[in-house]
Amino acid sequence: MTGRSAVNMIVLMKPVEMIAWFTQDGIPNPIRCRLGDKVIRVQQVTSISEEKLAGNRMFIYRCQTEINGKLIPFELKFELQTCKWFLFKM
């Protein structure tokens, strides 16, 4: 895999605007997000996990996008209680 490894990702935890589709069970699947004037397309979701912080459930999506011909890993978080998306790491 080219690009940054998971060790070199920077924690951002910035709220993003998201376009996603949902399964019949209500599980969101991200398509693309916008942070300021930049749009990040989700090329592939490599894994989905769930965490609980202070009683707040979140889905964590490990994803990849292509920027300038390189695959760049990043992580998105979806907060179930508020339905908010965050760019967690990139």
C-alpha atoms as a PDB file:
ATOM      1  CA  MET A   1       0.000   0.000   0.000  1.00  0.00           C
ATOM      2  CA  THR A   2       1.334   3.403  -0.895  1.00  0.00           C
ATOM      3  CA  GLY A   3       0.676   6.553   1.062  1.00  0.00           C
ATOM      4  CA  ARG A   4       0.829   7.085   4.802  1.00  0.00           C
ATOM      5  CA  SER A   5       0.693   4.206   7.214  1.00  0.00           C
ATOM      6  CA  ALA A   6      -1.743   4.171  10.123  1.00  0.00           C
ATOM      7  CA  VAL A   7       1.121   5.136  12.442  1.00  0.00           C
ATOM      8  CA  ASN A   8       1.668   8.462  10.643  1.00  0.00           C
ATOM      9  CA  MET A   9      -1.958   9.610  10.622  1.00  0.00           C
ATOM     10  CA  ILE A  10      -2.700  12.919  12.337  1.00  0.00           C
ATOM     11  CA  VAL A  11      -5.688  13.168  14.709  1.00  0.00           C
ATOM     12  CA  LEU A  12      -7.993  15.936  13.467  1.00  0.00           C
ATOM     13  CA  MET A  13     -11.493  15.212  14.881  1.00  0.00           C
ATOM     14  CA  LYS A  14     -13.049  17.899  12.637  1.00  0.00           C
ATOM     15  CA  PRO A  15     -16.792  17.912  11.865  1.00  0.00           C
ATOM     16  CA  VAL A  16     -17.540  17.300   8.173  1.00  0.00           C
ATOM     17  CA  GLU A  17     -20.556  17.452   5.867  1.00  0.00           C
ATOM     18  CA  MET A  18     -21.235  13.912   4.612  1.00  0.00           C
ATOM     19  CA  ILE A  19     -23.097  12.222   1.794  1.00  0.00           C
ATOM     20  CA  ALA A  20     -23.867   8.643   2.817  1.00  0.00           C
ATOM     21  CA  TRP A  21     -26.308   5.845   2.120  1.00  0.00           C
ATOM     22  CA  PHE A  22     -27.962   3.764   4.829  1.00  0.00           C
ATOM     23  CA  THR A  23     -28.789   0.061   5.039  1.00  0.00           C
ATOM     24  CA  GLN A  24     -32.298  -1.049   5.993  1.00  0.00           C
ATOM     25  CA  ASP A  25     -30.896  -1.596   9.515  1.00  0.00           C
ATOM     26  CA  GLY A  26     -29.867   2.080   9.688  1.00  0.00           C
ATOM     27  CA  ILE A  27     -26.102   1.538   9.284  1.00  0.00           C
ATOM     28  CA  PRO A  28     -24.529   4.500   7.410  1.00  0.00           C
ATOM     29  CA  ASN A  29     -22.037   4.008   4.571  1.00  0.00           C
ATOM     30  CA  PRO A  30     -19.993   7.104   3.644  1.00  0.00           C
ATOM     31  CA  ILE A  31     -19.641   8.199   0.004  1.00  0.00           C
ATOM     32  CA  ARG A  32     -17.875  11.577   0.234  1.00  0.00           C
ATOM     33  CA  CYS A  33     -17.373  14.378   2.723  1.00  0.00           C
ATOM     34  CA  ARG A  34     -16.576  18.064   2.661  1.00  0.00           C
ATOM     35  CA  LEU A  35     -14.205  19.810   5.044  1.00  0.00           C
ATOM     36  CA  GLY A  36     -14.258  23.517   4.287  1.00  0.00           C
ATOM     37  CA  ASP A  37     -13.822  23.805   0.503  1.00  0.00           C
ATOM     38  CA  LYS A  38     -12.172  20.366   0.076  1.00  0.00           C
ATOM     39  CA  VAL A  39     -14.137  17.268  -0.944  1.00  0.00           C
ATOM     40  CA  ILE A  40     -12.814  13.843   0.063  1.00  0.00           C
ATOM     41  CA  ARG A  41     -14.241  10.899  -1.883  1.00  0.00           C
ATOM     42  CA  VAL A  42     -14.340   7.570  -0.053  1.00  0.00           C
ATOM     43  CA  GLN A  43     -12.723   5.142  -2.524  1.00  0.00           C
ATOM     44  CA  GLN A  44     -12.947   2.152  -0.189  1.00  0.00           C
ATOM     45  CA  VAL A  45     -14.058   1.343   3.362  1.00  0.00           C
ATOM     46  CA  THR A  46     -11.511  -1.169   4.683  1.00  0.00           C
ATOM     47  CA  SER A  47     -13.109  -1.780   8.097  1.00  0.00           C
ATOM     48  CA  ILE A  48     -15.932  -0.662  10.369  1.00  0.00           C
ATOM     49  CA  SER A  49     -15.782  -0.885  14.153  1.00  0.00           C
ATOM     50  CA  GLU A  50     -17.794   0.490  17.037  1.00  0.00           C
ATOM     51  CA  GLU A  51     -16.636   2.282  20.177  1.00  0.00           C
ATOM     52  CA  LYS A  52     -18.336   3.730  23.214  1.00  0.00           C
ATOM     53  CA  LEU A  53     -16.876   6.873  24.818  1.00  0.00           C
ATOM     54  CA  ALA A  54     -18.634   8.198  27.933  1.00  0.00           C
ATOM     55  CA  GLY A  55     -21.738   6.238  26.954  1.00  0.00           C
ATOM     56  CA  ASN A  56     -21.735   7.737  23.444  1.00  0.00           C
ATOM     57  CA  ARG A  57     -21.738   5.093  20.673  1.00  0.00           C
ATOM     58  CA  MET A  58     -19.707   5.795  17.528  1.00  0.00           C
ATOM     59  CA  PHE A  59     -18.951   3.893  14.344  1.00  0.00           C
ATOM     60  CA  ILE A  60     -15.338   4.165  13.168  1.00  0.00           C
ATOM     61  CA  TYR A  61     -14.707   3.782   9.428  1.00  0.00           C
ATOM     62  CA  ARG A  62     -11.179   3.076   8.176  1.00  0.00           C
ATOM     63  CA  CYS A  63     -11.186   4.334   4.595  1.00  0.00           C
ATOM     64  CA  GLN A  64      -8.961   5.120   1.641  1.00  0.00           C
ATOM     65  CA  THR A  65      -9.008   7.893  -0.930  1.00  0.00           C
ATOM     66  CA  GLU A  66      -6.804   8.635  -3.914  1.00  0.00           C
ATOM     67  CA  ILE A  67      -4.986  11.976  -3.896  1.00  0.00           C
ATOM     68  CA  ASN A  68      -2.479  12.748  -6.675  1.00  0.00           C
ATOM     69  CA  GLY A  69      -2.303   9.064  -7.639  1.00  0.00           C
ATOM     70  CA  LYS A  70      -1.572   7.844  -4.087  1.00  0.00           C
ATOM     71  CA  LEU A  71      -3.899   5.891  -1.794  1.00  0.00           C
ATOM     72  CA  ILE A  72      -4.256   7.837   1.447  1.00  0.00           C
ATOM     73  CA  PRO A  73      -5.785   6.139   4.517  1.00  0.00           C
ATOM     74  CA  PHE A  74      -8.102   8.090   6.799  1.00  0.00           C
ATOM     75  CA  GLU A  75     -10.679   7.476   9.526  1.00  0.00           C
ATOM     76  CA  LEU A  76     -14.204   8.801   9.856  1.00  0.00           C
ATOM     77  CA  LYS A  77     -16.377   8.687  12.960  1.00  0.00           C
ATOM     78  CA  PHE A  78     -20.181   8.693  13.004  1.00  0.00           C
ATOM     79  CA  GLU A  79     -21.824   9.673  16.284  1.00  0.00           C
ATOM     80  CA  LEU A  80     -25.060   7.681  16.560  1.00  0.00           C
ATOM     81  CA  GLN A  81     -26.801   9.903  19.122  1.00  0.00           C
ATOM     82  CA  THR A  82     -26.371  13.164  17.167  1.00  0.00           C
ATOM     83  CA  CYS A  83     -25.923  11.725  13.619  1.00  0.00           C
ATOM     84  CA  LYS A  84     -22.771  13.847  13.187  1.00  0.00           C
ATOM     85  CA  TRP A  85     -19.735  12.856  11.106  1.00  0.00           C
ATOM     86  CA  PHE A  86     -16.110  13.670  11.948  1.00  0.00           C
ATOM     87  CA  LEU A  87     -12.860  13.361  10.023  1.00  0.00           C
ATOM     88  CA  PHE A  88     -10.981  11.659  12.838  1.00  0.00           C
ATOM     89  CA  LYS A  89      -7.543  10.880  11.373  1.00  0.00           C
ATOM     90  CA  MET A  90      -5.759  11.513   8.088  1.00  0.00           C
END
